[in-house]
């Protein structure tokens, strides 16, 4: 039997609803467990995460201090309709351009 992969969605208060919705959608996928954590929860539990834990940070470098830490390591940021994302290993960062006129496409 395959082991389940853990996905942690780390968010600021601004993105709480988005993070919970994303966590819920991930939990529907076979083989994945997911949780939505605040920045403080992630900081407290970071030392206990295994190499099989995937983490998605929501927010840009100004909004999420952990995004700031990992964005410098991500060489390819993709922008699709104002939604920007990139990944390096088991860490991913997702953020918007902040242009309200793009909200519907996002």
PDB file of N, CA and C in Angstrom:
ATOM      1  N   UNK A   1       0.838  -1.185   0.000  1.00  0.00           N
ATOM      2  CA  UNK A   1       0.000   0.000   0.000  1.00  0.00           C
ATOM      3  C   UNK A   1       0.880   1.244   0.000  1.00  0.00           C
ATOM      4  N   UNK A   2       0.464   2.256  -0.740  1.00  0.00           N
ATOM      5  CA  UNK A   2       1.208   3.507  -0.818  1.00  0.00           C
ATOM      6  C   UNK A   2       0.952   4.356   0.422  1.00  0.00           C
ATOM      7  N   UNK A   3       1.991   5.056   0.876  1.00  0.00           N
ATOM      8  CA  UNK A   3       1.789   5.963   1.999  1.00  0.00           C
ATOM      9  C   UNK A   3       1.143   7.249   1.494  1.00  0.00           C
ATOM     10  N   UNK A   4       0.379   7.860   2.339  1.00  0.00           N
ATOM     11  CA  UNK A   4      -0.293   9.104   1.979  1.00  0.00           C
ATOM     12  C   UNK A   4       0.689  10.259   2.097  1.00  0.00           C
ATOM     13  N   UNK A   5       0.556  11.204   1.219  1.00  0.00           N
ATOM     14  CA  UNK A   5       1.402  12.400   1.264  1.00  0.00           C
ATOM     15  C   UNK A   5       0.662  13.491   2.024  1.00  0.00           C
ATOM     16  N   UNK A   6       1.422  14.213   2.806  1.00  0.00           N
ATOM     17  CA  UNK A   6       0.848  15.286   3.603  1.00  0.00           C
ATOM     18  C   UNK A   6       1.113  16.625   2.922  1.00  0.00           C
ATOM     19  N   UNK A   7       0.061  17.436   2.763  1.00  0.00           N
ATOM     20  CA  UNK A   7       0.180  18.773   2.192  1.00  0.00           C
ATOM     21  C   UNK A   7      -0.303  19.763   3.245  1.00  0.00           C
ATOM     22  N   UNK A   8       0.569  20.701   3.595  1.00  0.00           N
ATOM     23  CA  UNK A   8       0.247  21.744   4.564  1.00  0.00           C
ATOM     24  C   UNK A   8       0.085  23.053   3.793  1.00  0.00           C
ATOM     25  N   UNK A   9      -1.044  23.727   3.973  1.00  0.00           N
ATOM     26  CA  UNK A   9      -1.297  25.029   3.362  1.00  0.00           C
ATOM     27  C   UNK A   9      -1.083  26.077   4.454  1.00  0.00           C
ATOM     28  N   UNK A  10      -0.106  26.949   4.273  1.00  0.00           N
ATOM     29  CA  UNK A  10       0.262  27.953   5.282  1.00  0.00           C
ATOM     30  C   UNK A  10      -0.234  29.315   4.804  1.00  0.00           C
ATOM     31  N   UNK A  11      -1.004  29.985   5.659  1.00  0.00           N
ATOM     32  CA  UNK A  11      -1.678  31.206   5.234  1.00  0.00           C
ATOM     33  C   UNK A  11      -1.642  32.300   6.297  1.00  0.00           C
ATOM     34  N   UNK A  12      -1.852  33.528   5.838  1.00  0.00           N
ATOM     35  CA  UNK A  12      -2.077  34.661   6.727  1.00  0.00           C
ATOM     36  C   UNK A  12      -3.594  34.817   6.878  1.00  0.00           C
ATOM     37  N   UNK A  13      -4.020  35.617   7.833  1.00  0.00           N
ATOM     38  CA  UNK A  13      -5.457  35.807   8.065  1.00  0.00           C
ATOM     39  C   UNK A  13      -6.187  36.259   6.803  1.00  0.00           C
ATOM     40  N   UNK A  14      -5.544  37.053   5.988  1.00  0.00           N
ATOM     41  CA  UNK A  14      -6.153  37.563   4.761  1.00  0.00           C
ATOM     42  C   UNK A  14      -6.633  36.428   3.862  1.00  0.00           C
ATOM     43  N   UNK A  15      -5.923  35.321   3.868  1.00  0.00           N
ATOM     44  CA  UNK A  15      -6.212  34.217   2.959  1.00  0.00           C
ATOM     45  C   UNK A  15      -6.820  33.000   3.647  1.00  0.00           C
ATOM     46  N   UNK A  16      -7.404  33.187   4.804  1.00  0.00           N
ATOM     47  CA  UNK A  16      -7.947  32.056   5.546  1.00  0.00           C
ATOM     48  C   UNK A  16      -8.976  31.263   4.741  1.00  0.00           C
ATOM     49  N   UNK A  17      -9.958  31.939   4.145  1.00  0.00           N
ATOM     50  CA  UNK A  17     -10.989  31.229   3.380  1.00  0.00           C
ATOM     51  C   UNK A  17     -10.394  30.489   2.187  1.00  0.00           C
ATOM     52  N   UNK A  18      -9.491  31.130   1.476  1.00  0.00           N
ATOM     53  CA  UNK A  18      -8.831  30.496   0.333  1.00  0.00           C
ATOM     54  C   UNK A  18      -8.038  29.271   0.786  1.00  0.00           C
ATOM     55  N   UNK A  19      -7.317  29.396   1.879  1.00  0.00           N
ATOM     56  CA  UNK A  19      -6.503  28.283   2.378  1.00  0.00           C
ATOM     57  C   UNK A  19      -7.371  27.087   2.772  1.00  0.00           C
ATOM     58  N   UNK A  20      -8.474  27.356   3.438  1.00  0.00           N
ATOM     59  CA  UNK A  20      -9.363  26.268   3.849  1.00  0.00           C
ATOM     60  C   UNK A  20      -9.989  25.599   2.633  1.00  0.00           C
ATOM     61  N   UNK A  21     -10.375  26.398   1.630  1.00  0.00           N
ATOM     62  CA  UNK A  21     -10.933  25.821   0.404  1.00  0.00           C
ATOM     63  C   UNK A  21      -9.893  24.970  -0.321  1.00  0.00           C
ATOM     64  N   UNK A  22      -8.664  25.456  -0.416  1.00  0.00           N
ATOM     65  CA  UNK A  22      -7.582  24.706  -1.062  1.00  0.00           C
ATOM     66  C   UNK A  22      -7.293  23.417  -0.295  1.00  0.00           C
ATOM     67  N   UNK A  23      -7.211  23.506   1.011  1.00  0.00           N
ATOM     68  CA  UNK A  23      -6.978  22.326   1.847  1.00  0.00           C
ATOM     69  C   UNK A  23      -8.081  21.297   1.634  1.00  0.00           C
ATOM     70  N   UNK A  24      -9.312  21.754   1.546  1.00  0.00           N
ATOM     71  CA  UNK A  24     -10.444  20.848   1.337  1.00  0.00           C
ATOM     72  C   UNK A  24     -10.346  20.129  -0.006  1.00  0.00           C
ATOM     73  N   UNK A  25      -9.999  20.871  -1.064  1.00  0.00           N
ATOM     74  CA  UNK A  25      -9.877  20.263  -2.394  1.00  0.00           C
ATOM     75  C   UNK A  25      -8.739  19.246  -2.436  1.00  0.00           C
ATOM     76  N   UNK A  26      -7.634  19.557  -1.794  1.00  0.00           N
ATOM     77  CA  UNK A  26      -6.505  18.621  -1.758  1.00  0.00           C
ATOM     78  C   UNK A  26      -6.896  17.345  -1.024  1.00  0.00           C
ATOM     79  N   UNK A  27      -7.658  17.485   0.053  1.00  0.00           N
ATOM     80  CA  UNK A  27      -8.037  16.314   0.846  1.00  0.00           C
ATOM     81  C   UNK A  27      -8.944  15.355   0.076  1.00  0.00           C
ATOM     82  N   UNK A  28      -9.556  15.814  -1.005  1.00  0.00           N
ATOM     83  CA  UNK A  28     -10.410  14.960  -1.828  1.00  0.00           C
ATOM     84  C   UNK A  28      -9.599  14.062  -2.760  1.00  0.00           C
ATOM     85  N   UNK A  29      -8.331  14.377  -2.967  1.00  0.00           N
ATOM     86  CA  UNK A  29      -7.494  13.628  -3.898  1.00  0.00           C
ATOM     87  C   UNK A  29      -6.950  12.384  -3.202  1.00  0.00           C
ATOM     88  N   UNK A  30      -7.120  11.238  -3.849  1.00  0.00           N
ATOM     89  CA  UNK A  30      -6.615   9.988  -3.280  1.00  0.00           C
ATOM     90  C   UNK A  30      -5.117  10.069  -3.029  1.00  0.00           C
ATOM     91  N   UNK A  31      -4.690   9.595  -1.881  1.00  0.00           N
ATOM     92  CA  UNK A  31      -3.273   9.542  -1.553  1.00  0.00           C
ATOM     93  C   UNK A  31      -2.745  10.782  -0.851  1.00  0.00           C
ATOM     94  N   UNK A  32      -3.616  11.761  -0.592  1.00  0.00           N
ATOM     95  CA  UNK A  32      -3.167  12.998   0.051  1.00  0.00           C
ATOM     96  C   UNK A  32      -3.975  13.308   1.301  1.00  0.00           C
ATOM     97  N   UNK A  33      -3.280  13.727   2.329  1.00  0.00           N
ATOM     98  CA  UNK A  33      -3.876  14.320   3.521  1.00  0.00           C
ATOM     99  C   UNK A  33      -3.468  15.779   3.504  1.00  0.00           C
ATOM    100  N   UNK A  34      -4.310  16.646   4.029  1.00  0.00           N
ATOM    101  CA  UNK A  34      -3.941  18.061   4.023  1.00  0.00           C
ATOM    102  C   UNK A  34      -4.446  18.750   5.280  1.00  0.00           C
ATOM    103  N   UNK A  35      -3.803  19.884   5.561  1.00  0.00           N
ATOM    104  CA  UNK A  35      -4.174  20.709   6.705  1.00  0.00           C
ATOM    105  C   UNK A  35      -3.893  22.154   6.347  1.00  0.00           C
ATOM    106  N   UNK A  36      -4.650  23.077   6.942  1.00  0.00           N
ATOM    107  CA  UNK A  36      -4.420  24.502   6.759  1.00  0.00           C
ATOM    108  C   UNK A  36      -3.893  25.050   8.080  1.00  0.00           C
ATOM    109  N   UNK A  37      -2.715  25.663   8.030  1.00  0.00           N
ATOM    110  CA  UNK A  37      -2.061  26.183   9.229  1.00  0.00           C
ATOM    111  C   UNK A  37      -1.814  27.677   9.103  1.00  0.00           C
ATOM    112  N   UNK A  38      -1.956  28.379  10.220  1.00  0.00           N
ATOM    113  CA  UNK A  38      -1.555  29.785  10.275  1.00  0.00           C
ATOM    114  C   UNK A  38      -0.028  29.847  10.274  1.00  0.00           C
ATOM    115  N   UNK A  39       0.511  31.041  10.109  1.00  0.00           N
ATOM    116  CA  UNK A  39       1.965  31.215  10.151  1.00  0.00           C
ATOM    117  C   UNK A  39       2.537  30.745  11.485  1.00  0.00           C
ATOM    118  N   UNK A  40       1.852  31.081  12.561  1.00  0.00           N
ATOM    119  CA  UNK A  40       2.344  30.699  13.892  1.00  0.00           C
ATOM    120  C   UNK A  40       2.322  29.180  14.072  1.00  0.00           C
ATOM    121  N   UNK A  41       1.257  28.536  13.609  1.00  0.00           N
ATOM    122  CA  UNK A  41       1.159  27.078  13.711  1.00  0.00           C
ATOM    123  C   UNK A  41       2.300  26.415  12.929  1.00  0.00           C
ATOM    124  N   UNK A  42       2.585  26.931  11.733  1.00  0.00           N
ATOM    125  CA  UNK A  42       3.678  26.388  10.938  1.00  0.00           C
ATOM    126  C   UNK A  42       5.014  26.576  11.653  1.00  0.00           C
ATOM    127  N   UNK A  43       5.236  27.766  12.186  1.00  0.00           N
ATOM    128  CA  UNK A  43       6.494  28.045  12.892  1.00  0.00           C
ATOM    129  C   UNK A  43       6.708  27.068  14.042  1.00  0.00           C
ATOM    130  N   UNK A  44       5.648  26.787  14.784  1.00  0.00           N
ATOM    131  CA  UNK A  44       5.751  25.878  15.926  1.00  0.00           C
ATOM    132  C   UNK A  44       5.968  24.432  15.515  1.00  0.00           C
ATOM    133  N   UNK A  45       5.413  24.027  14.387  1.00  0.00           N
ATOM    134  CA  UNK A  45       5.462  22.621  13.974  1.00  0.00           C
ATOM    135  C   UNK A  45       6.480  22.311  12.894  1.00  0.00           C
ATOM    136  N   UNK A  46       7.139  23.331  12.366  1.00  0.00           N
ATOM    137  CA  UNK A  46       8.114  23.150  11.293  1.00  0.00           C
ATOM    138  C   UNK A  46       9.169  22.076  11.619  1.00  0.00           C
ATOM    139  N   UNK A  47       9.718  22.035  12.832  1.00  0.00           N
ATOM    140  CA  UNK A  47      10.742  21.025  13.112  1.00  0.00           C
ATOM    141  C   UNK A  47      10.238  19.580  13.068  1.00  0.00           C
ATOM    142  N   UNK A  48       8.935  19.388  13.146  1.00  0.00           N
ATOM    143  CA  UNK A  48       8.393  18.027  13.179  1.00  0.00           C
ATOM    144  C   UNK A  48       8.006  17.498  11.805  1.00  0.00           C
ATOM    145  N   UNK A  49       8.068  18.342  10.766  1.00  0.00           N
ATOM    146  CA  UNK A  49       7.657  17.912   9.437  1.00  0.00           C
ATOM    147  C   UNK A  49       8.695  16.987   8.818  1.00  0.00           C
ATOM    148  N   UNK A  50       8.214  15.967   8.141  1.00  0.00           N
ATOM    149  CA  UNK A  50       9.121  15.023   7.498  1.00  0.00           C
ATOM    150  C   UNK A  50       9.413  15.481   6.071  1.00  0.00           C
ATOM    151  N   UNK A  51      10.339  14.795   5.442  1.00  0.00           N
ATOM    152  CA  UNK A  51      10.683  15.086   4.047  1.00  0.00           C
ATOM    153  C   UNK A  51       9.558  14.764   3.096  1.00  0.00           C
ATOM    154  N   UNK A  52       8.572  14.015   3.556  1.00  0.00           N
ATOM    155  CA  UNK A  52       7.427  13.680   2.715  1.00  0.00           C
ATOM    156  C   UNK A  52       6.292  14.689   2.861  1.00  0.00           C
ATOM    157  N   UNK A  53       6.528  15.744   3.611  1.00  0.00           N
ATOM    158  CA  UNK A  53       5.525  16.791   3.789  1.00  0.00           C
ATOM    159  C   UNK A  53       5.714  17.862   2.725  1.00  0.00           C
ATOM    160  N   UNK A  54       4.644  18.174   2.041  1.00  0.00           N
ATOM    161  CA  UNK A  54       4.650  19.243   1.050  1.00  0.00           C
ATOM    162  C   UNK A  54       3.999  20.468   1.686  1.00  0.00           C
ATOM    163  N   UNK A  55       4.538  21.637   1.394  1.00  0.00           N
ATOM    164  CA  UNK A  55       4.016  22.861   1.990  1.00  0.00           C
ATOM    165  C   UNK A  55       3.727  23.869   0.890  1.00  0.00           C
ATOM    166  N   UNK A  56       2.527  24.466   0.944  1.00  0.00           N
ATOM    167  CA  UNK A  56       2.130  25.533   0.033  1.00  0.00           C
ATOM    168  C   UNK A  56       1.974  26.799   0.866  1.00  0.00           C
ATOM    169  N   UNK A  57       2.753  27.821   0.554  1.00  0.00           N
ATOM    170  CA  UNK A  57       2.665  29.102   1.250  1.00  0.00           C
ATOM    171  C   UNK A  57       1.811  30.038   0.402  1.00  0.00           C
ATOM    172  N   UNK A  58       0.770  30.604   1.000  1.00  0.00           N
ATOM    173  CA  UNK A  58      -0.093  31.541   0.286  1.00  0.00           C
ATOM    174  C   UNK A  58       0.295  32.958   0.689  1.00  0.00           C
ATOM    175  N   UNK A  59       0.526  33.791  -0.313  1.00  0.00           N
ATOM    176  CA  UNK A  59       0.883  35.182  -0.085  1.00  0.00           C
ATOM    177  C   UNK A  59       2.267  35.479  -0.620  1.00  0.00           C
ATOM    178  N   UNK A  60       2.472  36.730  -1.017  1.00  0.00           N
ATOM    179  CA  UNK A  60       3.784  37.112  -1.542  1.00  0.00           C
ATOM    180  C   UNK A  60       4.761  37.391  -0.406  1.00  0.00           C
ATOM    181  N   UNK A  61       5.941  37.836  -0.750  1.00  0.00           N
ATOM    182  CA  UNK A  61       7.012  38.029   0.242  1.00  0.00           C
ATOM    183  C   UNK A  61       6.658  39.065   1.301  1.00  0.00           C
ATOM    184  N   UNK A  62       5.830  40.043   0.961  1.00  0.00           N
ATOM    185  CA  UNK A  62       5.434  41.052   1.938  1.00  0.00           C
ATOM    186  C   UNK A  62       4.343  40.544   2.877  1.00  0.00           C
ATOM    187  N   UNK A  63       3.552  39.598   2.404  1.00  0.00           N
ATOM    188  CA  UNK A  63       2.413  39.095   3.178  1.00  0.00           C
ATOM    189  C   UNK A  63       2.762  37.896   4.058  1.00  0.00           C
ATOM    190  N   UNK A  64       3.667  37.070   3.606  1.00  0.00           N
ATOM    191  CA  UNK A  64       3.966  35.815   4.285  1.00  0.00           C
ATOM    192  C   UNK A  64       5.483  35.686   4.418  1.00  0.00           C
ATOM    193  N   UNK A  65       5.977  35.753   5.640  1.00  0.00           N
ATOM    194  CA  UNK A  65       7.437  35.722   5.846  1.00  0.00           C
ATOM    195  C   UNK A  65       8.071  34.419   5.368  1.00  0.00           C
ATOM    196  N   UNK A  66       7.311  33.329   5.363  1.00  0.00           N
ATOM    197  CA  UNK A  66       7.867  32.062   4.875  1.00  0.00           C
ATOM    198  C   UNK A  66       7.927  32.055   3.344  1.00  0.00           C
ATOM    199  N   UNK A  67       6.965  32.702   2.698  1.00  0.00           N
ATOM    200  CA  UNK A  67       7.053  32.862   1.243  1.00  0.00           C
ATOM    201  C   UNK A  67       8.335  33.585   0.893  1.00  0.00           C
ATOM    202  N   UNK A  68       8.625  34.628   1.640  1.00  0.00           N
ATOM    203  CA  UNK A  68       9.840  35.410   1.393  1.00  0.00           C
ATOM    204  C   UNK A  68      11.085  34.525   1.458  1.00  0.00           C
ATOM    205  N   UNK A  69      11.118  33.612   2.424  1.00  0.00           N
ATOM    206  CA  UNK A  69      12.275  32.727   2.586  1.00  0.00           C
ATOM    207  C   UNK A  69      12.467  31.814   1.375  1.00  0.00           C
ATOM    208  N   UNK A  70      11.370  31.318   0.807  1.00  0.00           N
ATOM    209  CA  UNK A  70      11.478  30.329  -0.266  1.00  0.00           C
ATOM    210  C   UNK A  70      11.462  30.928  -1.668  1.00  0.00           C
ATOM    211  N   UNK A  71      10.908  32.123  -1.836  1.00  0.00           N
ATOM    212  CA  UNK A  71      10.862  32.722  -3.170  1.00  0.00           C
ATOM    213  C   UNK A  71      12.249  32.908  -3.774  1.00  0.00           C
ATOM    214  N   UNK A  72      13.241  33.177  -2.945  1.00  0.00           N
ATOM    215  CA  UNK A  72      14.596  33.362  -3.465  1.00  0.00           C
ATOM    216  C   UNK A  72      15.179  32.056  -4.026  1.00  0.00           C
ATOM    217  N   UNK A  73      14.599  30.923  -3.635  1.00  0.00           N
ATOM    218  CA  UNK A  73      15.084  29.621  -4.100  1.00  0.00           C
ATOM    219  C   UNK A  73      14.320  29.096  -5.311  1.00  0.00           C
ATOM    220  N   UNK A  74      13.218  29.764  -5.638  1.00  0.00           N
ATOM    221  CA  UNK A  74      12.383  29.322  -6.753  1.00  0.00           C
ATOM    222  C   UNK A  74      12.788  30.095  -8.005  1.00  0.00           C
ATOM    223  N   UNK A  75      13.298  29.375  -8.985  1.00  0.00           N
ATOM    224  CA  UNK A  75      13.827  30.038 -10.173  1.00  0.00           C
ATOM    225  C   UNK A  75      12.773  30.305 -11.236  1.00  0.00           C
ATOM    226  N   UNK A  76      11.648  29.600 -11.202  1.00  0.00           N
ATOM    227  CA  UNK A  76      10.654  29.755 -12.251  1.00  0.00           C
ATOM    228  C   UNK A  76       9.288  30.052 -11.646  1.00  0.00           C
ATOM    229  N   UNK A  77       8.909  31.337 -11.609  1.00  0.00           N
ATOM    230  CA  UNK A  77       7.587  31.737 -11.156  1.00  0.00           C
ATOM    231  C   UNK A  77       6.682  31.845 -12.379  1.00  0.00           C
ATOM    232  N   UNK A  78       5.558  31.173 -12.351  1.00  0.00           N
ATOM    233  CA  UNK A  78       4.602  31.169 -13.447  1.00  0.00           C
ATOM    234  C   UNK A  78       3.465  32.125 -13.095  1.00  0.00           C
ATOM    235  N   UNK A  79       2.991  32.892 -14.087  1.00  0.00           N
ATOM    236  CA  UNK A  79       1.889  33.819 -13.895  1.00  0.00           C
ATOM    237  C   UNK A  79       0.794  33.466 -14.895  1.00  0.00           C
ATOM    238  N   UNK A  80      -0.339  33.000 -14.386  1.00  0.00           N
ATOM    239  CA  UNK A  80      -1.481  32.681 -15.239  1.00  0.00           C
ATOM    240  C   UNK A  80      -2.663  33.507 -14.753  1.00  0.00           C
ATOM    241  N   UNK A  81      -3.081  34.454 -15.568  1.00  0.00           N
ATOM    242  CA  UNK A  81      -4.212  35.330 -15.236  1.00  0.00           C
ATOM    243  C   UNK A  81      -4.066  36.016 -13.893  1.00  0.00           C
ATOM    244  N   UNK A  82      -2.864  36.390 -13.527  1.00  0.00           N
ATOM    245  CA  UNK A  82      -2.634  37.096 -12.275  1.00  0.00           C
ATOM    246  C   UNK A  82      -2.364  36.209 -11.089  1.00  0.00           C
ATOM    247  N   UNK A  83      -2.516  34.895 -11.274  1.00  0.00           N
ATOM    248  CA  UNK A  83      -2.178  33.938 -10.216  1.00  0.00           C
ATOM    249  C   UNK A  83      -0.734  33.507 -10.442  1.00  0.00           C
ATOM    250  N   UNK A  84       0.122  33.794  -9.474  1.00  0.00           N
ATOM    251  CA  UNK A  84       1.546  33.473  -9.600  1.00  0.00           C
ATOM    252  C   UNK A  84       1.882  32.308  -8.685  1.00  0.00           C
ATOM    253  N   UNK A  85       2.708  31.407  -9.180  1.00  0.00           N
ATOM    254  CA  UNK A  85       3.098  30.261  -8.362  1.00  0.00           C
ATOM    255  C   UNK A  85       4.435  29.707  -8.823  1.00  0.00           C
ATOM    256  N   UNK A  86       5.089  29.058  -7.909  1.00  0.00           N
ATOM    257  CA  UNK A  86       6.353  28.417  -8.202  1.00  0.00           C
ATOM    258  C   UNK A  86       6.640  27.359  -7.156  1.00  0.00           C
ATOM    259  N   UNK A  87       7.553  26.456  -7.477  1.00  0.00           N
ATOM    260  CA  UNK A  87       7.850  25.340  -6.580  1.00  0.00           C
ATOM    261  C   UNK A  87       9.337  25.051  -6.590  1.00  0.00           C
ATOM    262  N   UNK A  88       9.838  24.643  -5.448  1.00  0.00           N
ATOM    263  CA  UNK A  88      11.204  24.158  -5.323  1.00  0.00           C
ATOM    264  C   UNK A  88      11.165  22.996  -4.349  1.00  0.00           C
ATOM    265  N   UNK A  89      11.380  21.788  -4.863  1.00  0.00           N
ATOM    266  CA  UNK A  89      11.307  20.606  -4.005  1.00  0.00           C
ATOM    267  C   UNK A  89       9.911  20.436  -3.433  1.00  0.00           C
ATOM    268  N   UNK A  90       9.821  20.339  -2.127  1.00  0.00           N
ATOM    269  CA  UNK A  90       8.530  20.113  -1.473  1.00  0.00           C
ATOM    270  C   UNK A  90       7.850  21.404  -1.035  1.00  0.00           C
ATOM    271  N   UNK A  91       8.394  22.550  -1.421  1.00  0.00           N
ATOM    272  CA  UNK A  91       7.829  23.846  -1.032  1.00  0.00           C
ATOM    273  C   UNK A  91       7.297  24.572  -2.261  1.00  0.00           C
ATOM    274  N   UNK A  92       6.123  25.183  -2.121  1.00  0.00           N
ATOM    275  CA  UNK A  92       5.525  25.966  -3.194  1.00  0.00           C
ATOM    276  C   UNK A  92       5.012  27.280  -2.616  1.00  0.00           C
ATOM    277  N   UNK A  93       5.004  28.306  -3.453  1.00  0.00           N
ATOM    278  CA  UNK A  93       4.492  29.615  -3.071  1.00  0.00           C
ATOM    279  C   UNK A  93       3.442  30.014  -4.102  1.00  0.00           C
ATOM    280  N   UNK A  94       2.298  30.509  -3.612  1.00  0.00           N
ATOM    281  CA  UNK A  94       1.204  30.944  -4.466  1.00  0.00           C
ATOM    282  C   UNK A  94       0.804  32.349  -4.027  1.00  0.00           C
ATOM    283  N   UNK A  95       0.671  33.262  -4.985  1.00  0.00           N
ATOM    284  CA  UNK A  95       0.238  34.612  -4.651  1.00  0.00           C
ATOM    285  C   UNK A  95      -0.374  35.264  -5.881  1.00  0.00           C
ATOM    286  N   UNK A  96      -1.119  36.328  -5.661  1.00  0.00           N
ATOM    287  CA  UNK A  96      -1.732  37.073  -6.756  1.00  0.00           C
ATOM    288  C   UNK A  96      -0.952  38.338  -7.023  1.00  0.00           C
ATOM    289  N   UNK A  97      -1.164  38.892  -8.219  1.00  0.00           N
ATOM    290  CA  UNK A  97      -0.518  40.152  -8.572  1.00  0.00           C
ATOM    291  C   UNK A  97      -1.114  41.329  -7.820  1.00  0.00           C
ATOM    292  N   UNK A  98      -2.309  41.172  -7.286  1.00  0.00           N
ATOM    293  CA  UNK A  98      -2.950  42.249  -6.549  1.00  0.00           C
ATOM    294  C   UNK A  98      -3.737  43.205  -7.408  1.00  0.00           C
ATOM    295  N   UNK A  99      -4.024  42.840  -8.637  1.00  0.00           N
ATOM    296  CA  UNK A  99      -4.803  43.692  -9.534  1.00  0.00           C
ATOM    297  C   UNK A  99      -6.270  43.263  -9.471  1.00  0.00           C
ATOM    298  N   UNK A 100      -7.105  44.121  -8.907  1.00  0.00           N
ATOM    299  CA  UNK A 100      -8.506  43.773  -8.699  1.00  0.00           C
ATOM    300  C   UNK A 100      -9.239  43.456  -9.993  1.00  0.00           C
ATOM    301  N   UNK A 101      -8.848  44.062 -11.101  1.00  0.00           N
ATOM    302  CA  UNK A 101      -9.522  43.781 -12.367  1.00  0.00           C
ATOM    303  C   UNK A 101      -9.283  42.346 -12.839  1.00  0.00           C
ATOM    304  N   UNK A 102      -8.314  41.664 -12.262  1.00  0.00           N
ATOM    305  CA  UNK A 102      -8.029  40.269 -12.634  1.00  0.00           C
ATOM    306  C   UNK A 102      -8.748  39.263 -11.724  1.00  0.00           C
ATOM    307  N   UNK A 103      -9.485  39.754 -10.747  1.00  0.00           N
ATOM    308  CA  UNK A 103     -10.097  38.862  -9.755  1.00  0.00           C
ATOM    309  C   UNK A 103     -10.978  37.791 -10.381  1.00  0.00           C
ATOM    310  N   UNK A 104     -11.804  38.134 -11.346  1.00  0.00           N
ATOM    311  CA  UNK A 104     -12.701  37.159 -11.961  1.00  0.00           C
ATOM    312  C   UNK A 104     -11.932  36.058 -12.698  1.00  0.00           C
ATOM    313  N   UNK A 105     -10.870  36.425 -13.404  1.00  0.00           N
ATOM    314  CA  UNK A 105     -10.065  35.424 -14.126  1.00  0.00           C
ATOM    315  C   UNK A 105      -9.283  34.547 -13.174  1.00  0.00           C
ATOM    316  N   UNK A 106      -8.880  35.116 -12.036  1.00  0.00           N
ATOM    317  CA  UNK A 106      -8.106  34.383 -11.035  1.00  0.00           C
ATOM    318  C   UNK A 106      -8.945  33.250 -10.473  1.00  0.00           C
TER     319      UNK A 106
END
